Amino acid sequence: MARSKYDSIYKKLKDDVEVIKEQQDYSNMSLAFSHWFLKNQYNLSEQEIAESIIDGNGDYGIDAVIHNETDKSLEIFQFKFPSSSQTIKREIAQSEINKVIVGFNYLIDPADEITLEKASKEFIRIHDELKESEIYNFKINFVSFNQGVVDNVEMVNNFIRTTKRESGIDISYVDYNVQKVTNIYEKLQRQNSISIVLPYKQLQQSYSVGNIESYVGFVNASKLVEAIEDKMGVIFDENIRLHEMKSKVNDGIKKTSSSKEESQMFYFYNNGITFICDEANQSPSNLTIKLEGTSIVNGCQTVTTLYENYMSERLREDVDLLVRITKISDYDERAKITQFLNSQNPIKESYFISNHTIVRDLQSKLAESNYYLERQINESSYKEKYEDEDIKKGKKIIKLDDVIQYYSGYYLDKFAALAKRNKNVLFSNDNIHEVLSDITAEKVIESYEIYAIISEVITAYRRQRRNKKNSEFAEIIGIKNEELENDEQTYLFVNTADILILNTCKHLKSRDSSKKDRDNVVEAIKIIIKLINEDKELKEMSPASLTKNQKIYTEINQYFMKDTRIAAKS
């Protein structure tokens, strides 16, 4: 029997997932798959992934949770990875979907009398944290390498409608099935440039400068969706933001494109979309244009909302929209075009500092020390393919978001708690100039390398929690396994303490620069335990709340200030 495309992808993906399972000591492949997905689709760091995953029994069908305090949104995930390629043609069982629905209701129930006797510690921790949070947008994600939600679509839709009606909350769901997961995998491999044939109603060559060419015209919305339907997971590859979970603009797009009275006015109401591509070959005889190496860099909200209407058979046939096509291969110019075109929905400041003079200079300086600072997502991989195949060789790839978070958490006491609580705020106009004012390549490297050691220690802690026979963390701390198990509550904060430990290590290094960084990490953990035990308010906080609360960072700072005064007197 011939192997399908999905069989081949499954084998490659399984190899990647097995490596993650072994490295992280996950109990099953679905948890390792969740790690892979959150890293590659949501661009989460290793620590953010670990803090999102609900490990072990008692998860009520929920494998991961992402709580965005800035957007006041909550996403929950169920992951299913098949044991063999033979089950790819199956769908998610009704019982598994029902578990997620029950788990979701338990998770958001604020009642104190709710009993969660069968729940895991992680599930209870997240449930308790959410009781104190404002959340306005909810999303359920089914992620599987099979056919996903098929026969039970009505069951899920009924739950969504009933929840909206009875609770008044804004809730939606996404089904990441084998096709969508495959798209994500192929995007990561970047083996094939994205190619589409786009039918148009009218299109003419427009403004051109040097090697840059452009086209302007209009296309039918349904024909557009059909042209990119199997590329939805990768067509926004160069877009600086993906689909907004909820916005008034998107609601308007959805309403107009499905309205019998207004659909013909869509062209006039909407800003249109912009393709960017390496090559564009127009065929006037059949009214199509073939785009090679293409991406939609403006109009993600429009296209995704039209796609949703199309899939639910609500998209009107008479919906047309403006289209612009720019043929250009220069990476930096492509990035500028992407940035300046995006203004229809608000964009976080963090997306725009990539072209800041200080950041560009930082990238150059770090390259001299064999670090590649990615100012934009997947920048190094893109340049490796299109500009210099050796650009990543011998270099450590570091992301701009991580650089700003680690640097702020390590060097800037003022921003340390914020770096943990909500790192996106570091990029606001109120903060970013102060953050960047004294940044250097040397400081970035120091904070990054110490963070890497902290990450190893925290990963060892998590592996030991998953596998009681593992003694990595106990050996690092210098205690026996039995002591760690008996005193489990004391060390729970370690799971989310990356920035807190990082900030403490800065103080320790300032006090004695000759000590090894790993020894400082161990001492930092012990100092934090001491301060928690001495303060009733800190001791009563949940571990996850503690490590992002300003109070513990203030206590750390005062501890070392007091220590400095004592040393000065002696």
Protein backbone atom coordinates (compact mmCIF):
# COMPACT_ATOMS: atom_id res chain seq x y z
CA MET A 1 0.00 0.00 0.00
CA ALA A 2 1.38 3.42 -0.99
CA ARG A 3 2.45 5.73 1.79
CA SER A 4 0.53 8.99 2.03
CA LYS A 5 2.02 12.42 2.67
CA TYR A 6 0.67 12.27 6.23
CA ASP A 7 2.38 8.92 6.83
CA SER A 8 5.73 10.44 5.91
CA ILE A 9 5.17 13.54 8.02
CA TYR A 10 4.02 11.39 10.94
CA LYS A 11 7.26 9.40 10.91
CA LYS A 12 9.39 12.57 10.91
CA LEU A 13 7.26 14.31 13.50
CA LYS A 14 7.27 11.22 15.72
CA ASP A 15 11.08 11.26 15.73
CA ASP A 16 11.07 14.89 16.88
CA VAL A 17 8.45 14.22 19.54
CA GLU A 18 10.32 11.18 20.87
CA VAL A 19 13.43 13.32 21.38
CA ILE A 20 11.38 15.85 23.37
CA LYS A 21 9.79 13.05 25.42
CA GLU A 22 13.19 11.71 26.40
CA GLN A 23 14.71 15.14 27.08
CA GLN A 24 11.83 16.33 29.23
CA ASP A 25 10.96 12.94 30.77
CA TYR A 26 7.31 13.22 29.75
CA SER A 27 5.10 10.27 30.63
CA ASN A 28 3.54 9.97 27.17
CA MET A 29 3.92 11.09 23.55
CA SER A 30 0.90 13.41 23.64
CA LEU A 31 2.53 15.58 26.31
CA ALA A 32 5.74 15.68 24.28
CA PHE A 33 3.63 16.59 21.23
CA SER A 34 2.10 19.43 23.24
CA HIS A 35 5.62 20.71 23.95
CA TRP A 36 6.45 20.60 20.22
CA PHE A 37 3.22 22.39 19.27
CA LEU A 38 3.44 25.18 21.84
CA LYS A 39 7.04 25.86 20.90
CA ASN A 40 6.49 25.96 17.16
CA GLN A 41 2.98 27.33 16.78
CA TYR A 42 2.82 29.68 19.78
CA ASN A 43 6.53 30.49 19.87
CA LEU A 44 6.70 29.85 23.65
CA SER A 45 10.02 29.45 25.43
CA GLU A 46 10.95 26.24 27.22
CA GLN A 47 9.98 27.76 30.56
CA GLU A 48 6.68 29.15 29.26
CA ILE A 49 5.81 25.71 27.86
CA ALA A 50 6.57 23.99 31.15
CA GLU A 51 4.39 26.48 33.02
CA SER A 52 1.52 25.92 30.56
CA ILE A 53 1.45 22.12 30.49
CA ILE A 54 -0.73 20.21 32.96
CA ASP A 55 1.22 17.02 33.57
CA GLY A 56 -0.02 13.74 35.03
CA ASN A 57 -3.39 12.22 35.85
CA GLY A 58 -6.32 14.36 36.95
CA ASP A 59 -6.16 16.88 34.12
CA TYR A 60 -9.84 16.38 33.11
CA GLY A 61 -8.82 16.14 29.46
CA ILE A 62 -6.94 19.47 29.50
CA ASP A 63 -3.25 19.16 28.69
CA ALA A 64 -2.20 22.81 28.63
CA VAL A 65 -3.45 26.29 29.53
CA ILE A 66 -2.28 29.69 28.30
CA HIS A 67 -3.54 32.60 30.38
CA ASN A 68 -2.80 36.00 28.84
CA GLU A 69 -3.29 38.60 31.55
CA THR A 70 -2.80 41.51 29.13
CA ASP A 71 -5.49 40.39 26.68
CA LYS A 72 -7.56 38.92 29.53
CA SER A 73 -7.86 35.70 27.55
CA LEU A 74 -7.61 32.00 28.32
CA GLU A 75 -6.80 29.19 25.91
CA ILE A 76 -7.04 25.53 26.87
CA PHE A 77 -5.62 22.64 24.86
CA GLN A 78 -6.18 18.95 24.40
CA PHE A 79 -3.43 17.09 22.55
CA LYS A 80 -3.67 13.69 20.88
CA PHE A 81 -0.72 12.05 19.18
CA PRO A 82 -1.40 8.63 17.58
CA SER A 83 0.60 5.57 18.53
CA SER A 84 0.97 4.67 14.86
CA SER A 85 0.20 6.12 11.44
CA GLN A 86 -2.64 3.61 11.12
CA THR A 87 -4.83 5.81 13.34
CA ILE A 88 -4.38 9.04 11.34
CA LYS A 89 -7.70 8.44 9.59
CA ARG A 90 -9.55 8.31 12.90
CA GLU A 91 -11.12 11.30 14.61
CA ILE A 92 -11.09 12.57 18.19
CA ALA A 93 -13.47 10.35 20.18
CA GLN A 94 -16.66 11.81 21.63
CA SER A 95 -15.56 10.75 25.11
CA GLU A 96 -12.36 12.80 24.79
CA ILE A 97 -14.28 15.88 23.64
CA ASN A 98 -16.69 15.47 26.52
CA LYS A 99 -13.77 15.29 28.97
CA VAL A 100 -12.53 18.65 27.71
CA ILE A 101 -15.97 20.21 28.10
CA VAL A 102 -16.25 18.92 31.68
CA GLY A 103 -12.70 20.02 32.41
CA PHE A 104 -13.33 23.50 31.01
CA ASN A 105 -16.42 23.92 33.20
CA TYR A 106 -14.47 22.79 36.28
CA LEU A 107 -11.55 25.06 35.44
CA ILE A 108 -13.55 28.29 35.19
CA ASP A 109 -16.01 27.54 38.01
CA PRO A 110 -15.28 30.15 40.72
CA ALA A 111 -17.37 28.47 43.42
CA ASP A 112 -15.42 27.67 46.59
CA GLU A 113 -17.49 24.57 47.27
CA ILE A 114 -16.52 22.86 44.01
CA THR A 115 -14.83 19.51 44.73
CA LEU A 116 -11.80 18.49 42.69
CA GLU A 117 -10.84 15.32 44.50
CA LYS A 118 -9.57 13.62 41.33
CA ALA A 119 -7.76 16.68 39.99
CA SER A 120 -3.99 16.90 39.74
CA LYS A 121 -2.06 19.49 41.72
CA GLU A 122 -1.37 21.41 38.52
CA PHE A 123 -5.06 21.52 37.61
CA ILE A 124 -6.00 22.76 41.10
CA ARG A 125 -3.21 25.36 40.98
CA ILE A 126 -4.46 26.79 37.70
CA HIS A 127 -8.10 26.65 38.84
CA ASP A 128 -7.24 28.64 41.98
CA GLU A 129 -5.24 31.22 40.01
CA LEU A 130 -8.05 31.76 37.54
CA LYS A 131 -10.53 32.48 40.34
CA GLU A 132 -8.69 35.73 40.97
CA SER A 133 -8.38 36.70 37.29
CA GLU A 134 -10.40 38.80 34.87
CA ILE A 135 -10.97 36.78 31.69
CA TYR A 136 -13.20 37.89 28.82
CA ASN A 137 -12.13 35.63 25.95
CA PHE A 138 -11.95 31.84 26.03
CA LYS A 139 -10.70 29.46 23.37
CA ILE A 140 -10.61 25.66 23.32
CA ASN A 141 -7.97 24.08 21.06
CA PHE A 142 -8.20 20.47 19.91
CA VAL A 143 -4.76 19.49 18.57
CA SER A 144 -4.36 16.07 17.02
CA PHE A 145 -2.49 14.26 14.27
CA ASN A 146 -5.69 12.69 13.01
CA GLN A 147 -8.90 13.95 11.41
CA GLY A 148 -9.75 16.02 14.47
CA VAL A 149 -13.33 16.96 15.32
CA VAL A 150 -15.53 15.46 12.59
CA ASP A 151 -18.74 13.68 13.60
CA ASN A 152 -18.89 15.60 16.87
CA VAL A 153 -18.72 19.12 15.43
CA GLU A 154 -22.37 19.65 16.35
CA MET A 155 -21.67 18.61 19.93
CA VAL A 156 -18.88 21.19 20.24
CA ASN A 157 -20.90 23.92 18.51
CA ASN A 158 -23.87 23.27 20.80
CA PHE A 159 -21.60 23.58 23.84
CA ILE A 160 -20.20 26.87 22.53
CA ARG A 161 -23.67 28.28 21.82
CA THR A 162 -25.09 27.12 25.14
CA THR A 163 -22.15 28.54 27.08
CA LYS A 164 -22.46 31.89 25.31
CA ARG A 165 -26.19 32.03 25.96
CA GLU A 166 -26.19 30.90 29.57
CA SER A 167 -22.97 32.55 30.77
CA GLY A 168 -22.57 35.45 28.38
CA ILE A 169 -18.88 34.67 27.93
CA ASP A 170 -17.02 34.97 24.64
CA ILE A 171 -15.88 31.47 23.70
CA SER A 172 -14.69 29.77 20.51
CA TYR A 173 -12.79 26.67 19.48
CA VAL A 174 -10.12 25.70 16.96
CA ASP A 175 -9.57 22.26 15.49
CA TYR A 176 -5.90 21.68 14.64
CA ASN A 177 -6.26 18.43 12.71
CA VAL A 178 -3.67 16.45 10.73
CA GLN A 179 -3.81 18.88 7.80
CA LYS A 180 -3.16 21.95 9.96
CA VAL A 181 -0.43 20.25 12.01
CA THR A 182 1.24 19.13 8.77
CA ASN A 183 1.15 22.74 7.55
CA ILE A 184 2.91 23.82 10.75
CA TYR A 185 5.55 21.11 10.30
CA GLU A 186 6.18 22.03 6.67
CA LYS A 187 6.47 25.68 7.59
CA LEU A 188 9.22 24.78 10.07
CA GLN A 189 11.14 22.73 7.54
CA ARG A 190 10.92 25.44 4.88
CA GLN A 191 11.81 22.88 2.25
CA ASN A 192 9.32 24.18 -0.26
CA SER A 193 8.61 27.79 -1.10
CA ILE A 194 4.89 28.55 -0.85
CA SER A 195 3.33 28.66 -4.29
CA ILE A 196 -0.27 29.54 -5.17
CA VAL A 197 -2.29 30.24 -8.32
CA LEU A 198 -4.58 33.16 -7.59
CA PRO A 199 -7.63 33.81 -9.82
CA TYR A 200 -8.47 37.49 -10.20
CA LYS A 201 -11.24 39.60 -11.68
CA GLN A 202 -8.98 42.48 -12.59
CA LEU A 203 -5.23 42.96 -12.10
CA GLN A 204 -2.70 45.28 -13.63
CA GLN A 205 0.98 45.95 -13.10
CA SER A 206 1.46 49.08 -11.05
CA TYR A 207 4.37 50.92 -9.43
CA SER A 208 7.89 49.51 -9.90
CA VAL A 209 11.29 50.52 -8.49
CA GLY A 210 14.48 48.69 -9.47
CA ASN A 211 13.87 44.96 -8.90
CA ILE A 212 10.61 45.62 -7.03
CA GLU A 213 7.39 45.14 -8.98
CA SER A 214 3.80 45.58 -7.85
CA TYR A 215 0.30 44.69 -9.04
CA VAL A 216 -3.08 46.05 -7.98
CA GLY A 217 -6.55 44.67 -8.63
CA PHE A 218 -9.44 42.85 -7.02
CA VAL A 219 -10.35 39.21 -6.43
CA ASN A 220 -13.40 37.24 -5.43
CA ALA A 221 -13.27 36.25 -1.74
CA SER A 222 -14.38 32.64 -2.30
CA LYS A 223 -11.83 32.14 -5.08
CA LEU A 224 -9.13 33.62 -2.84
CA VAL A 225 -9.95 31.20 -0.01
CA GLU A 226 -9.99 28.24 -2.41
CA ALA A 227 -6.56 29.25 -3.72
CA ILE A 228 -4.95 29.30 -0.27
CA GLU A 229 -7.15 26.88 1.68
CA ASP A 230 -4.48 24.19 2.04
CA LYS A 231 -1.83 26.81 2.85
CA MET A 232 -3.65 28.56 5.70
CA GLY A 233 -1.11 27.34 8.23
CA VAL A 234 1.82 28.89 6.35
CA ILE A 235 0.50 31.69 4.17
CA PHE A 236 1.01 34.29 6.93
CA ASP A 237 4.62 33.21 7.42
CA GLU A 238 6.04 36.75 7.21
CA ASN A 239 3.11 38.54 8.83
CA ILE A 240 4.14 40.24 12.09
CA ARG A 241 0.94 39.12 13.81
CA LEU A 242 -1.53 36.30 13.43
CA HIS A 243 -5.30 36.26 13.77
CA GLU A 244 -6.59 38.33 16.68
CA MET A 245 -8.77 36.22 18.95
CA LYS A 246 -11.44 38.91 19.16
CA SER A 247 -11.85 42.39 17.69
CA LYS A 248 -14.60 44.68 16.47
CA VAL A 249 -12.89 44.90 13.07
CA ASN A 250 -13.07 41.12 12.63
CA ASP A 251 -16.71 41.09 13.72
CA GLY A 252 -17.43 43.68 11.05
CA ILE A 253 -15.62 41.64 8.38
CA LYS A 254 -17.60 38.56 9.35
CA LYS A 255 -20.92 40.39 9.35
CA THR A 256 -20.47 42.26 6.06
CA SER A 257 -19.15 39.25 4.11
CA SER A 258 -22.14 37.14 5.14
CA SER A 259 -24.83 39.81 4.80
CA LYS A 260 -27.22 39.67 1.85
CA GLU A 261 -27.74 43.43 2.15
CA GLU A 262 -24.08 44.50 2.53
CA SER A 263 -21.85 41.86 0.91
CA GLN A 264 -21.49 43.79 -2.35
CA MET A 265 -20.12 46.74 -0.35
CA PHE A 266 -17.29 44.67 1.16
CA TYR A 267 -14.78 46.01 -1.38
CA PHE A 268 -15.49 49.57 -0.25
CA TYR A 269 -15.51 48.81 3.48
CA ASN A 270 -12.30 46.76 3.65
CA ASN A 271 -8.65 47.80 3.25
CA GLY A 272 -7.86 44.70 1.19
CA ILE A 273 -4.90 42.35 1.45
CA THR A 274 -1.26 42.40 0.40
CA PHE A 275 0.77 39.48 -0.93
CA ILE A 276 4.56 39.61 -1.00
CA CYS A 277 6.43 37.13 -3.19
CA ASP A 278 9.72 36.17 -4.85
CA GLU A 279 8.21 35.67 -8.30
CA ALA A 280 4.91 36.68 -9.95
CA ASN A 281 3.83 35.29 -13.33
CA GLN A 282 0.57 36.65 -14.72
CA SER A 283 -1.62 34.74 -17.17
CA PRO A 284 -4.12 37.22 -18.68
CA SER A 285 -5.69 34.53 -20.85
CA ASN A 286 -7.22 32.70 -17.88
CA LEU A 287 -7.14 35.58 -15.36
CA THR A 288 -4.71 34.01 -12.90
CA ILE A 289 -1.34 34.94 -11.42
CA LYS A 290 1.13 32.40 -10.05
CA LEU A 291 2.97 33.57 -6.92
CA GLU A 292 6.16 31.82 -5.81
CA GLY A 293 7.65 32.22 -2.34
CA THR A 294 4.57 34.11 -1.26
CA SER A 295 3.09 35.27 2.02
CA ILE A 296 0.19 37.48 3.05
CA VAL A 297 1.84 40.30 4.98
CA ASN A 298 -1.22 42.48 5.47
CA GLY A 299 -4.80 41.27 5.76
CA CYS A 300 -4.45 38.31 8.09
CA GLN A 301 -7.58 39.38 9.96
CA THR A 302 -9.51 39.77 6.71
CA VAL A 303 -8.41 36.47 5.17
CA THR A 304 -8.83 34.40 8.33
CA THR A 305 -12.32 35.79 8.95
CA LEU A 306 -13.33 35.21 5.31
CA TYR A 307 -11.95 31.67 5.61
CA GLU A 308 -14.07 31.05 8.72
CA ASN A 309 -17.19 32.27 6.92
CA TYR A 310 -16.32 30.17 3.87
CA MET A 311 -15.86 27.00 5.96
CA SER A 312 -19.18 27.59 7.71
CA GLU A 313 -20.85 28.29 4.33
CA ARG A 314 -21.72 31.87 5.29
CA LEU A 315 -19.44 33.66 2.81
CA ARG A 316 -21.47 35.36 0.09
CA GLU A 317 -20.47 34.70 -3.52
CA ASP A 318 -20.55 38.39 -4.41
CA VAL A 319 -17.85 39.40 -1.90
CA ASP A 320 -14.86 40.96 -3.69
CA LEU A 321 -11.82 42.65 -2.19
CA LEU A 322 -8.81 44.73 -3.11
CA VAL A 323 -5.52 42.89 -3.59
CA ARG A 324 -1.97 44.23 -3.83
CA ILE A 325 0.96 42.05 -4.85
CA THR A 326 4.59 43.05 -4.35
CA LYS A 327 7.39 41.07 -5.95
CA ILE A 328 10.55 41.55 -3.87
CA SER A 329 13.30 39.30 -2.50
CA ASP A 330 15.36 41.65 -0.29
CA TYR A 331 14.72 40.50 3.29
CA ASP A 332 15.10 43.83 5.05
CA GLU A 333 12.84 45.62 2.58
CA ARG A 334 10.26 42.83 2.91
CA ALA A 335 10.36 43.32 6.68
CA LYS A 336 9.84 47.07 6.36
CA ILE A 337 6.89 46.62 4.01
CA THR A 338 5.34 44.16 6.45
CA GLN A 339 5.76 46.57 9.36
CA PHE A 340 4.44 49.72 7.73
CA LEU A 341 1.42 48.07 6.14
CA ASN A 342 -0.03 46.79 9.41
CA SER A 343 -2.36 49.31 11.00
CA GLN A 344 -5.90 47.95 10.68
CA ASN A 345 -5.88 46.32 14.15
CA PRO A 346 -3.73 47.48 17.08
CA ILE A 347 -0.31 45.80 17.17
CA LYS A 348 1.82 45.22 20.23
CA GLU A 349 4.88 47.46 20.48
CA SER A 350 7.13 44.39 20.76
CA TYR A 351 6.63 43.69 17.06
CA PHE A 352 8.00 47.06 16.04
CA ILE A 353 11.28 47.49 17.94
CA SER A 354 13.03 45.07 15.58
CA ASN A 355 14.16 48.03 13.46
CA HIS A 356 15.19 50.19 16.42
CA THR A 357 18.73 51.53 15.91
CA ILE A 358 19.91 50.10 19.23
CA VAL A 359 18.48 46.67 18.40
CA ARG A 360 20.12 46.61 14.98
CA ASP A 361 23.44 47.62 16.53
CA LEU A 362 22.98 44.97 19.22
CA GLN A 363 22.47 42.35 16.53
CA SER A 364 25.77 43.32 14.87
CA LYS A 365 27.70 43.34 18.15
CA LEU A 366 26.30 39.96 19.25
CA ALA A 367 27.25 38.44 15.90
CA GLU A 368 30.89 39.24 16.71
CA SER A 369 30.57 36.91 19.74
CA ASN A 370 28.85 34.17 17.70
CA TYR A 371 25.30 34.94 18.82
CA TYR A 372 22.59 35.53 16.24
CA LEU A 373 19.91 37.88 17.56
CA GLU A 374 16.63 37.22 15.75
CA ARG A 375 15.00 40.63 15.50
CA GLN A 376 12.03 38.95 13.82
CA ILE A 377 10.50 35.51 14.14
CA ASN A 378 12.47 32.88 12.19
CA GLU A 379 14.75 35.55 10.71
CA SER A 380 17.84 33.34 10.81
CA SER A 381 16.11 30.45 9.03
CA TYR A 382 14.81 32.78 6.34
CA LYS A 383 18.23 34.33 5.72
CA GLU A 384 19.80 30.87 5.79
CA LYS A 385 17.58 29.88 2.89
CA TYR A 386 17.56 33.04 0.82
CA GLU A 387 20.81 34.86 1.64
CA ASP A 388 23.54 32.88 3.41
CA GLU A 389 23.32 29.15 4.04
CA ASP A 390 26.10 29.41 6.64
CA ILE A 391 24.54 32.26 8.62
CA LYS A 392 23.60 30.03 11.59
CA LYS A 393 26.71 27.87 11.67
CA GLY A 394 28.60 28.12 14.93
CA LYS A 395 26.13 30.63 16.38
CA LYS A 396 23.64 30.52 19.23
CA ILE A 397 20.24 31.72 18.03
CA ILE A 398 18.55 34.05 20.53
CA LYS A 399 15.14 35.71 20.19
CA LEU A 400 14.63 39.42 20.76
CA ASP A 401 11.72 38.83 23.17
CA ASP A 402 13.90 36.55 25.29
CA VAL A 403 16.84 38.97 25.23
CA ILE A 404 14.72 41.84 26.56
CA GLN A 405 13.06 39.65 29.20
CA TYR A 406 16.30 38.10 30.52
CA TYR A 407 18.22 41.38 30.44
CA SER A 408 15.43 43.21 32.31
CA GLY A 409 15.00 40.40 34.83
CA TYR A 410 18.73 40.27 35.53
CA TYR A 411 19.97 43.85 35.41
CA LEU A 412 16.91 46.04 35.97
CA ASP A 413 15.41 45.52 39.45
CA LYS A 414 12.69 47.99 38.56
CA PHE A 415 11.43 45.74 35.77
CA ALA A 416 12.30 42.28 37.15
CA ALA A 417 8.82 41.38 38.43
CA LEU A 418 7.27 42.81 35.27
CA ALA A 419 9.60 40.66 33.15
CA LYS A 420 7.99 37.62 34.76
CA ARG A 421 4.45 38.90 35.18
CA ASN A 422 3.95 40.34 31.70
CA LYS A 423 7.02 40.70 29.52
CA ASN A 424 5.03 42.31 26.70
CA VAL A 425 4.69 45.48 28.80
CA LEU A 426 8.47 45.85 28.66
CA PHE A 427 8.03 46.77 24.99
CA SER A 428 5.58 49.61 25.60
CA ASN A 429 6.62 53.16 24.76
CA ASP A 430 6.64 53.92 28.49
CA ASN A 431 9.30 51.28 29.18
CA ILE A 432 11.27 50.20 26.11
CA HIS A 433 13.50 53.27 25.83
CA GLU A 434 14.57 52.93 29.46
CA VAL A 435 15.13 49.19 29.00
CA LEU A 436 17.34 49.78 25.95
CA SER A 437 19.19 52.80 27.34
CA ASP A 438 22.07 50.87 28.89
CA ILE A 439 21.91 47.52 27.09
CA THR A 440 25.11 46.06 25.64
CA ALA A 441 26.06 42.83 23.91
CA GLU A 442 28.16 41.83 26.95
CA LYS A 443 25.23 42.31 29.32
CA VAL A 444 22.89 40.39 27.01
CA ILE A 445 25.33 37.47 26.86
CA GLU A 446 25.80 37.36 30.64
CA SER A 447 22.07 37.39 31.39
CA TYR A 448 21.38 34.89 28.62
CA GLU A 449 24.06 32.40 29.71
CA ILE A 450 23.03 32.54 33.38
CA TYR A 451 19.40 32.07 32.35
CA ALA A 452 20.44 28.98 30.37
CA ILE A 453 21.94 27.45 33.52
CA ILE A 454 18.80 28.31 35.51
CA SER A 455 16.69 26.71 32.80
CA GLU A 456 18.72 23.50 33.07
CA VAL A 457 18.22 23.40 36.84
CA ILE A 458 14.45 24.04 36.59
CA THR A 459 14.17 21.39 33.87
CA ALA A 460 15.95 18.93 36.18
CA TYR A 461 13.41 19.82 38.90
CA ARG A 462 10.50 19.12 36.55
CA ARG A 463 12.00 15.84 35.37
CA GLN A 464 12.37 14.70 38.96
CA ARG A 465 8.77 15.66 39.72
CA ARG A 466 7.62 13.55 36.78
CA ASN A 467 9.86 10.63 37.67
CA LYS A 468 10.46 10.00 41.38
CA LYS A 469 13.39 7.71 40.55
CA ASN A 470 15.18 10.63 38.93
CA SER A 471 17.54 12.39 41.36
CA GLU A 472 19.00 15.17 39.15
CA PHE A 473 17.55 18.12 41.03
CA ALA A 474 18.20 16.68 44.48
CA GLU A 475 21.85 16.16 43.54
CA ILE A 476 22.12 19.75 42.23
CA ILE A 477 20.64 21.18 45.44
CA GLY A 478 22.70 18.82 47.59
CA ILE A 479 19.95 16.86 49.33
CA LYS A 480 18.62 13.31 49.20
CA ASN A 481 15.58 12.28 47.17
CA GLU A 482 13.69 11.44 50.32
CA GLU A 483 14.25 14.95 51.70
CA LEU A 484 12.98 16.51 48.51
CA GLU A 485 9.90 14.29 48.47
CA ASN A 486 9.12 15.00 52.14
CA ASP A 487 9.63 18.73 51.65
CA GLU A 488 7.91 18.89 48.24
CA GLN A 489 5.81 21.97 49.11
CA THR A 490 8.92 24.05 49.84
CA TYR A 491 10.29 23.65 46.31
CA LEU A 492 7.07 24.08 44.30
CA PHE A 493 7.94 27.71 43.51
CA VAL A 494 10.96 26.51 41.47
CA ASN A 495 8.63 25.49 38.62
CA THR A 496 7.93 29.15 37.73
CA ALA A 497 10.92 30.87 39.35
CA ASP A 498 13.19 31.41 36.32
CA ILE A 499 13.23 35.23 36.44
CA LEU A 500 13.18 35.36 40.25
CA ILE A 501 16.25 33.12 40.44
CA LEU A 502 17.87 35.12 37.63
CA ASN A 503 17.41 38.39 39.49
CA THR A 504 18.78 36.86 42.70
CA CYS A 505 21.83 35.56 40.82
CA LYS A 506 22.62 39.13 39.72
CA HIS A 507 22.88 40.18 43.37
CA LEU A 508 25.00 37.16 44.23
CA LYS A 509 27.38 37.82 41.36
CA SER A 510 27.69 41.47 42.38
CA ARG A 511 28.66 40.31 45.86
CA ASP A 512 31.22 37.73 44.70
CA SER A 513 32.09 37.57 41.00
CA SER A 514 34.46 34.62 41.50
CA LYS A 515 31.71 32.10 42.31
CA LYS A 516 30.51 29.74 39.61
CA ASP A 517 27.13 30.60 38.09
CA ARG A 518 25.70 27.16 38.85
CA ASP A 519 26.63 27.55 42.53
CA ASN A 520 24.90 30.94 42.52
CA VAL A 521 21.73 29.35 41.15
CA VAL A 522 21.67 26.83 44.01
CA GLU A 523 22.33 29.54 46.58
CA ALA A 524 19.63 31.74 45.02
CA ILE A 525 17.06 28.97 45.47
CA LYS A 526 18.04 28.57 49.13
CA ILE A 527 17.84 32.33 49.78
CA ILE A 528 14.39 32.51 48.20
CA ILE A 529 13.20 29.59 50.37
CA LYS A 530 14.53 31.41 53.45
CA LEU A 531 12.71 34.65 52.60
CA ILE A 532 9.44 32.82 51.89
CA ASN A 533 9.57 30.95 55.19
CA GLU A 534 10.21 34.20 57.11
CA ASP A 535 7.25 36.07 55.62
CA LYS A 536 3.68 34.97 56.31
CA GLU A 537 2.22 36.79 53.30
CA LEU A 538 4.72 35.20 50.90
CA LYS A 539 4.20 31.77 52.45
CA GLU A 540 0.45 31.95 51.85
CA MET A 541 0.80 32.86 48.16
CA SER A 542 0.43 30.16 45.51
CA PRO A 543 3.84 29.32 43.96
CA ALA A 544 2.93 30.71 40.52
CA SER A 545 1.57 33.95 42.01
CA LEU A 546 4.58 34.32 44.27
CA THR A 547 7.17 34.27 41.50
CA LYS A 548 5.60 37.19 39.64
CA ASN A 549 4.65 39.27 42.69
CA GLN A 550 6.60 42.48 43.26
CA LYS A 551 6.87 41.77 46.99
CA ILE A 552 9.30 38.85 46.65
CA TYR A 553 11.55 40.86 44.31
CA THR A 554 11.53 43.73 46.79
CA GLU A 555 12.43 41.32 49.61
CA ILE A 556 15.33 39.97 47.56
CA ASN A 557 16.62 43.47 46.90
CA GLN A 558 16.34 44.47 50.57
CA TYR A 559 18.03 41.24 51.66
CA PHE A 560 21.13 42.08 49.64
CA MET A 561 21.07 45.77 50.57
CA LYS A 562 21.08 44.71 54.23
CA ASP A 563 23.83 42.20 53.50
CA THR A 564 25.90 44.96 51.85
CA ARG A 565 25.46 47.30 54.84
CA ILE A 566 26.57 44.58 57.27
CA ALA A 567 29.64 43.85 55.14
CA ALA A 568 30.49 47.56 54.98
CA LYS A 569 30.36 47.91 58.78
CA SER A 570 32.61 44.92 59.31
